[in-house]
Amino acid sequence: MTEPILPPLKPIPIKDRISVAHVEKGNIDVLDGAFVVVDKNGVRTHIPVGGLVCIMLEPGTCSPHTRG
């Protein structure tokens, strides 16, 4: 049996997370299991969801679940 390359992942404690991230006027996309915000110029910004407590979607933000 081979050893795993990386140690098992552990959740980040709430006290060590960023409390809130605000996303405004962009599209939320999912890329390789991570959230990515795409702005009107096509610039992609990764959202560290494992280190967040809450993501606030402001007006003008679309997610795959709100498109329709």
PDB file of N, CA and C in Angstrom:
ATOM      1  N   MET A   1       0.834  -1.173   0.000  1.00  0.00           N
ATOM      2  CA  MET A   1       0.000   0.000   0.000  1.00  0.00           C
ATOM      3  C   MET A   1       0.885   1.245   0.000  1.00  0.00           C
ATOM      4  N   THR A   2       0.556   2.205  -0.849  1.00  0.00           N
ATOM      5  CA  THR A   2       1.356   3.425  -0.918  1.00  0.00           C
ATOM      6  C   THR A   2       0.840   4.464   0.067  1.00  0.00           C
ATOM      7  N   GLU A   3       1.742   5.307   0.525  1.00  0.00           N
ATOM      8  CA  GLU A   3       1.361   6.369   1.445  1.00  0.00           C
ATOM      9  C   GLU A   3       0.728   7.523   0.671  1.00  0.00           C
ATOM     10  N   PRO A   4      -0.257   8.207   1.269  1.00  0.00           N
ATOM     11  CA  PRO A   4      -0.848   9.348   0.577  1.00  0.00           C
ATOM     12  C   PRO A   4       0.179  10.462   0.388  1.00  0.00           C
ATOM     13  N   ILE A   5       0.027  11.193  -0.701  1.00  0.00           N
ATOM     14  CA  ILE A   5       0.954  12.277  -1.004  1.00  0.00           C
ATOM     15  C   ILE A   5       0.784  13.428  -0.014  1.00  0.00           C
ATOM     16  N   LEU A   6      -0.466  13.765   0.306  1.00  0.00           N
ATOM     17  CA  LEU A   6      -0.745  14.857   1.239  1.00  0.00           C
ATOM     18  C   LEU A   6      -1.418  14.314   2.490  1.00  0.00           C
ATOM     19  N   PRO A   7      -1.212  14.981   3.630  1.00  0.00           N
ATOM     20  CA  PRO A   7      -1.924  14.542   4.834  1.00  0.00           C
ATOM     21  C   PRO A   7      -3.409  14.831   4.689  1.00  0.00           C
ATOM     22  N   PRO A   8      -4.258  14.154   5.454  1.00  0.00           N
ATOM     23  CA  PRO A   8      -5.695  14.403   5.358  1.00  0.00           C
ATOM     24  C   PRO A   8      -6.019  15.853   5.716  1.00  0.00           C
ATOM     25  N   LEU A   9      -7.022  16.405   5.041  1.00  0.00           N
ATOM     26  CA  LEU A   9      -7.424  17.782   5.303  1.00  0.00           C
ATOM     27  C   LEU A   9      -8.165  17.877   6.624  1.00  0.00           C
ATOM     28  N   LYS A  10      -7.949  18.986   7.323  1.00  0.00           N
ATOM     29  CA  LYS A  10      -8.651  19.240   8.576  1.00  0.00           C
ATOM     30  C   LYS A  10      -9.429  20.546   8.403  1.00  0.00           C
ATOM     31  N   PRO A  11     -10.650  20.614   8.930  1.00  0.00           N
ATOM     32  CA  PRO A  11     -11.404  21.866   8.821  1.00  0.00           C
ATOM     33  C   PRO A  11     -10.710  22.999   9.563  1.00  0.00           C
ATOM     34  N   ILE A  12     -10.878  24.223   9.043  1.00  0.00           N
ATOM     35  CA  ILE A  12     -10.312  25.403   9.692  1.00  0.00           C
ATOM     36  C   ILE A  12     -11.270  25.807  10.818  1.00  0.00           C
ATOM     37  N   PRO A  13     -10.766  25.983  12.030  1.00  0.00           N
ATOM     38  CA  PRO A  13     -11.651  26.397  13.129  1.00  0.00           C
ATOM     39  C   PRO A  13     -12.312  27.746  12.819  1.00  0.00           C
ATOM     40  N   ILE A  14     -13.552  27.934  13.282  1.00  0.00           N
ATOM     41  CA  ILE A  14     -14.301  29.159  13.042  1.00  0.00           C
ATOM     42  C   ILE A  14     -13.508  30.390  13.481  1.00  0.00           C
ATOM     43  N   LYS A  15     -12.815  30.311  14.602  1.00  0.00           N
ATOM     44  CA  LYS A  15     -12.082  31.482  15.119  1.00  0.00           C
ATOM     45  C   LYS A  15     -10.952  31.914  14.192  1.00  0.00           C
ATOM     46  N   ASP A  16     -10.487  31.023  13.309  1.00  0.00           N
ATOM     47  CA  ASP A  16      -9.390  31.351  12.391  1.00  0.00           C
ATOM     48  C   ASP A  16      -9.871  31.725  10.991  1.00  0.00           C
ATOM     49  N   ARG A  17     -11.195  31.743  10.778  1.00  0.00           N
ATOM     50  CA  ARG A  17     -11.736  32.043   9.453  1.00  0.00           C
ATOM     51  C   ARG A  17     -12.026  33.534   9.288  1.00  0.00           C
ATOM     52  N   ILE A  18     -12.106  33.951   8.022  1.00  0.00           N
ATOM     53  CA  ILE A  18     -12.574  35.294   7.699  1.00  0.00           C
ATOM     54  C   ILE A  18     -14.080  35.269   7.910  1.00  0.00           C
ATOM     55  N   SER A  19     -14.629  36.298   8.568  1.00  0.00           N
ATOM     56  CA  SER A  19     -16.045  36.234   8.925  1.00  0.00           C
ATOM     57  C   SER A  19     -16.963  36.397   7.719  1.00  0.00           C
ATOM     58  N   VAL A  20     -16.774  37.434   6.885  1.00  0.00           N
ATOM     59  CA  VAL A  20     -17.699  37.702   5.785  1.00  0.00           C
ATOM     60  C   VAL A  20     -16.924  38.164   4.562  1.00  0.00           C
ATOM     61  N   ALA A  21     -17.344  37.713   3.395  1.00  0.00           N
ATOM     62  CA  ALA A  21     -16.827  38.228   2.116  1.00  0.00           C
ATOM     63  C   ALA A  21     -18.010  38.768   1.335  1.00  0.00           C
ATOM     64  N   HIS A  22     -17.895  39.978   0.811  1.00  0.00           N
ATOM     65  CA  HIS A  22     -18.949  40.601   0.009  1.00  0.00           C
ATOM     66  C   HIS A  22     -18.588  40.471  -1.464  1.00  0.00           C
ATOM     67  N   VAL A  23     -19.527  39.989  -2.270  1.00  0.00           N
ATOM     68  CA  VAL A  23     -19.330  39.865  -3.712  1.00  0.00           C
ATOM     69  C   VAL A  23     -20.385  40.723  -4.382  1.00  0.00           C
ATOM     70  N   GLU A  24     -19.939  41.675  -5.225  1.00  0.00           N
ATOM     71  CA  GLU A  24     -20.865  42.583  -5.885  1.00  0.00           C
ATOM     72  C   GLU A  24     -20.543  42.658  -7.371  1.00  0.00           C
ATOM     73  N   LYS A  25     -21.576  42.618  -8.184  1.00  0.00           N
ATOM     74  CA  LYS A  25     -21.484  42.783  -9.639  1.00  0.00           C
ATOM     75  C   LYS A  25     -20.489  41.824 -10.277  1.00  0.00           C
ATOM     76  N   GLY A  26     -20.773  40.553 -10.164  1.00  0.00           N
ATOM     77  CA  GLY A  26     -19.955  39.526 -10.788  1.00  0.00           C
ATOM     78  C   GLY A  26     -20.756  38.250 -10.922  1.00  0.00           C
ATOM     79  N   ASN A  27     -20.184  37.291 -11.585  1.00  0.00           N
ATOM     80  CA  ASN A  27     -20.810  35.977 -11.722  1.00  0.00           C
ATOM     81  C   ASN A  27     -20.027  34.983 -10.878  1.00  0.00           C
ATOM     82  N   ILE A  28     -20.751  34.229 -10.066  1.00  0.00           N
ATOM     83  CA  ILE A  28     -20.127  33.169  -9.281  1.00  0.00           C
ATOM     84  C   ILE A  28     -20.071  31.934 -10.162  1.00  0.00           C
ATOM     85  N   ASP A  29     -18.915  31.333 -10.245  1.00  0.00           N
ATOM     86  CA  ASP A  29     -18.730  30.126 -11.043  1.00  0.00           C
ATOM     87  C   ASP A  29     -18.069  29.086 -10.148  1.00  0.00           C
ATOM     88  N   VAL A  30     -18.136  27.852 -10.544  1.00  0.00           N
ATOM     89  CA  VAL A  30     -17.465  26.781  -9.816  1.00  0.00           C
ATOM     90  C   VAL A  30     -16.404  26.198 -10.728  1.00  0.00           C
ATOM     91  N   LEU A  31     -15.174  26.171 -10.237  1.00  0.00           N
ATOM     92  CA  LEU A  31     -14.051  25.661 -11.016  1.00  0.00           C
ATOM     93  C   LEU A  31     -13.264  24.704 -10.130  1.00  0.00           C
ATOM     94  N   ASP A  32     -13.219  23.451 -10.507  1.00  0.00           N
ATOM     95  CA  ASP A  32     -12.507  22.424  -9.741  1.00  0.00           C
ATOM     96  C   ASP A  32     -12.957  22.371  -8.286  1.00  0.00           C
ATOM     97  N   GLY A  33     -14.265  22.533  -8.055  1.00  0.00           N
ATOM     98  CA  GLY A  33     -14.806  22.433  -6.712  1.00  0.00           C
ATOM     99  C   GLY A  33     -14.631  23.683  -5.865  1.00  0.00           C
ATOM    100  N   ALA A  34     -14.139  24.776  -6.447  1.00  0.00           N
ATOM    101  CA  ALA A  34     -13.956  26.028  -5.706  1.00  0.00           C
ATOM    102  C   ALA A  34     -14.799  27.124  -6.338  1.00  0.00           C
ATOM    103  N   PHE A  35     -15.235  28.088  -5.525  1.00  0.00           N
ATOM    104  CA  PHE A  35     -15.970  29.227  -6.048  1.00  0.00           C
ATOM    105  C   PHE A  35     -15.012  30.229  -6.671  1.00  0.00           C
ATOM    106  N   VAL A  36     -15.434  30.780  -7.806  1.00  0.00           N
ATOM    107  CA  VAL A  36     -14.656  31.787  -8.515  1.00  0.00           C
ATOM    108  C   VAL A  36     -15.615  32.905  -8.895  1.00  0.00           C
ATOM    109  N   VAL A  37     -15.214  34.160  -8.670  1.00  0.00           N
ATOM    110  CA  VAL A  37     -16.001  35.309  -9.104  1.00  0.00           C
ATOM    111  C   VAL A  37     -15.402  35.804 -10.406  1.00  0.00           C
ATOM    112  N   VAL A  38     -16.262  35.966 -11.429  1.00  0.00           N
ATOM    113  CA  VAL A  38     -15.820  36.472 -12.730  1.00  0.00           C
ATOM    114  C   VAL A  38     -16.418  37.857 -12.905  1.00  0.00           C
ATOM    115  N   ASP A  39     -15.556  38.884 -13.061  1.00  0.00           N
ATOM    116  CA  ASP A  39     -16.080  40.241 -13.219  1.00  0.00           C
ATOM    117  C   ASP A  39     -16.393  40.532 -14.684  1.00  0.00           C
ATOM    118  N   LYS A  40     -16.871  41.745 -14.976  1.00  0.00           N
ATOM    119  CA  LYS A  40     -17.302  42.093 -16.335  1.00  0.00           C
ATOM    120  C   LYS A  40     -16.165  42.068 -17.346  1.00  0.00           C
ATOM    121  N   ASN A  41     -14.915  42.151 -16.892  1.00  0.00           N
ATOM    122  CA  ASN A  41     -13.760  42.089 -17.780  1.00  0.00           C
ATOM    123  C   ASN A  41     -13.230  40.665 -17.957  1.00  0.00           C
ATOM    124  N   GLY A  42     -13.857  39.713 -17.290  1.00  0.00           N
ATOM    125  CA  GLY A  42     -13.432  38.318 -17.397  1.00  0.00           C
ATOM    126  C   GLY A  42     -12.357  37.925 -16.401  1.00  0.00           C
ATOM    127  N   VAL A  43     -12.026  38.834 -15.472  1.00  0.00           N
ATOM    128  CA  VAL A  43     -11.010  38.530 -14.461  1.00  0.00           C
ATOM    129  C   VAL A  43     -11.606  37.583 -13.428  1.00  0.00           C
ATOM    130  N   ARG A  44     -10.895  36.498 -13.154  1.00  0.00           N
ATOM    131  CA  ARG A  44     -11.368  35.479 -12.215  1.00  0.00           C
ATOM    132  C   ARG A  44     -10.663  35.660 -10.869  1.00  0.00           C
ATOM    133  N   THR A  45     -11.464  35.644  -9.791  1.00  0.00           N
ATOM    134  CA  THR A  45     -10.928  35.746  -8.435  1.00  0.00           C
ATOM    135  C   THR A  45     -11.444  34.561  -7.640  1.00  0.00           C
ATOM    136  N   HIS A  46     -10.530  33.762  -7.107  1.00  0.00           N
ATOM    137  CA  HIS A  46     -10.918  32.595  -6.319  1.00  0.00           C
ATOM    138  C   HIS A  46     -11.380  33.024  -4.939  1.00  0.00           C
ATOM    139  N   ILE A  47     -12.433  32.381  -4.444  1.00  0.00           N
ATOM    140  CA  ILE A  47     -12.968  32.651  -3.111  1.00  0.00           C
ATOM    141  C   ILE A  47     -12.568  31.489  -2.209  1.00  0.00           C
ATOM    142  N   PRO A  48     -11.836  31.759  -1.137  1.00  0.00           N
ATOM    143  CA  PRO A  48     -11.398  30.677  -0.243  1.00  0.00           C
ATOM    144  C   PRO A  48     -12.530  30.229   0.678  1.00  0.00           C
ATOM    145  N   VAL A  49     -13.491  29.475   0.126  1.00  0.00           N
ATOM    146  CA  VAL A  49     -14.689  29.123   0.891  1.00  0.00           C
ATOM    147  C   VAL A  49     -14.394  28.298   2.140  1.00  0.00           C
ATOM    148  N   GLY A  50     -13.319  27.553   2.135  1.00  0.00           N
ATOM    149  CA  GLY A  50     -12.976  26.771   3.324  1.00  0.00           C
ATOM    150  C   GLY A  50     -12.540  27.637   4.484  1.00  0.00           C
ATOM    151  N   GLY A  51     -12.157  28.895   4.193  1.00  0.00           N
ATOM    152  CA  GLY A  51     -11.714  29.809   5.239  1.00  0.00           C
ATOM    153  C   GLY A  51     -12.702  30.916   5.518  1.00  0.00           C
ATOM    154  N   LEU A  52     -13.942  30.770   5.040  1.00  0.00           N
ATOM    155  CA  LEU A  52     -14.972  31.785   5.238  1.00  0.00           C
ATOM    156  C   LEU A  52     -16.092  31.262   6.116  1.00  0.00           C
ATOM    157  N   VAL A  53     -16.766  32.180   6.772  1.00  0.00           N
ATOM    158  CA  VAL A  53     -17.962  31.827   7.528  1.00  0.00           C
ATOM    159  C   VAL A  53     -19.196  32.121   6.684  1.00  0.00           C
ATOM    160  N   CYS A  54     -19.182  33.265   5.937  1.00  0.00           N
ATOM    161  CA  CYS A  54     -20.361  33.694   5.192  1.00  0.00           C
ATOM    162  C   CYS A  54     -19.939  34.424   3.923  1.00  0.00           C
ATOM    163  N   ILE A  55     -20.647  34.184   2.820  1.00  0.00           N
ATOM    164  CA  ILE A  55     -20.456  34.941   1.584  1.00  0.00           C
ATOM    165  C   ILE A  55     -21.730  35.738   1.346  1.00  0.00           C
ATOM    166  N   MET A  56     -21.600  37.064   1.304  1.00  0.00           N
ATOM    167  CA  MET A  56     -22.747  37.943   1.058  1.00  0.00           C
ATOM    168  C   MET A  56     -22.781  38.266  -0.433  1.00  0.00           C
ATOM    169  N   LEU A  57     -23.878  37.904  -1.100  1.00  0.00           N
ATOM    170  CA  LEU A  57     -24.043  38.204  -2.516  1.00  0.00           C
ATOM    171  C   LEU A  57     -24.830  39.496  -2.642  1.00  0.00           C
ATOM    172  N   GLU A  58     -24.162  40.541  -3.075  1.00  0.00           N
ATOM    173  CA  GLU A  58     -24.757  41.864  -3.207  1.00  0.00           C
ATOM    174  C   GLU A  58     -25.521  41.966  -4.526  1.00  0.00           C
ATOM    175  N   PRO A  59     -26.313  43.036  -4.721  1.00  0.00           N
ATOM    176  CA  PRO A  59     -27.031  43.219  -5.988  1.00  0.00           C
ATOM    177  C   PRO A  59     -26.075  43.198  -7.182  1.00  0.00           C
ATOM    178  N   GLY A  60     -26.527  42.575  -8.254  1.00  0.00           N
ATOM    179  CA  GLY A  60     -25.707  42.470  -9.456  1.00  0.00           C
ATOM    180  C   GLY A  60     -24.865  41.216  -9.519  1.00  0.00           C
ATOM    181  N   THR A  61     -24.994  40.347  -8.525  1.00  0.00           N
ATOM    182  CA  THR A  61     -24.241  39.094  -8.503  1.00  0.00           C
ATOM    183  C   THR A  61     -25.126  37.948  -8.948  1.00  0.00           C
ATOM    184  N   CYS A  62     -24.614  37.111  -9.826  1.00  0.00           N
ATOM    185  CA  CYS A  62     -25.351  35.931 -10.299  1.00  0.00           C
ATOM    186  C   CYS A  62     -24.582  34.677  -9.877  1.00  0.00           C
ATOM    187  N   SER A  63     -25.325  33.672  -9.492  1.00  0.00           N
ATOM    188  CA  SER A  63     -24.704  32.382  -9.189  1.00  0.00           C
ATOM    189  C   SER A  63     -25.387  31.326 -10.073  1.00  0.00           C
ATOM    190  N   PRO A  64     -24.777  30.147 -10.198  1.00  0.00           N
ATOM    191  CA  PRO A  64     -25.411  29.108 -11.026  1.00  0.00           C
ATOM    192  C   PRO A  64     -26.822  28.751 -10.566  1.00  0.00           C
ATOM    193  N   HIS A  65     -27.135  28.952  -9.288  1.00  0.00           N
ATOM    194  CA  HIS A  65     -28.443  28.592  -8.777  1.00  0.00           C
ATOM    195  C   HIS A  65     -29.477  29.703  -8.943  1.00  0.00           C
ATOM    196  N   THR A  66     -29.044  30.930  -9.290  1.00  0.00           N
ATOM    197  CA  THR A  66     -29.985  32.031  -9.443  1.00  0.00           C
ATOM    198  C   THR A  66     -30.225  32.387 -10.906  1.00  0.00           C
ATOM    199  N   ARG A  67     -29.460  31.782 -11.802  1.00  0.00           N
ATOM    200  CA  ARG A  67     -29.661  32.063 -13.224  1.00  0.00           C
ATOM    201  C   ARG A  67     -30.911  31.357 -13.687  1.00  0.00           C
ATOM    202  N   GLY A  68     -31.610  31.996 -14.600  1.00  0.00           N
ATOM    203  CA  GLY A  68     -32.699  31.216 -14.995  1.00  0.00           C
ATOM    204  C   GLY A  68     -33.657  31.683 -15.915  1.00  0.00           C
TER     205      GLY A  68
END
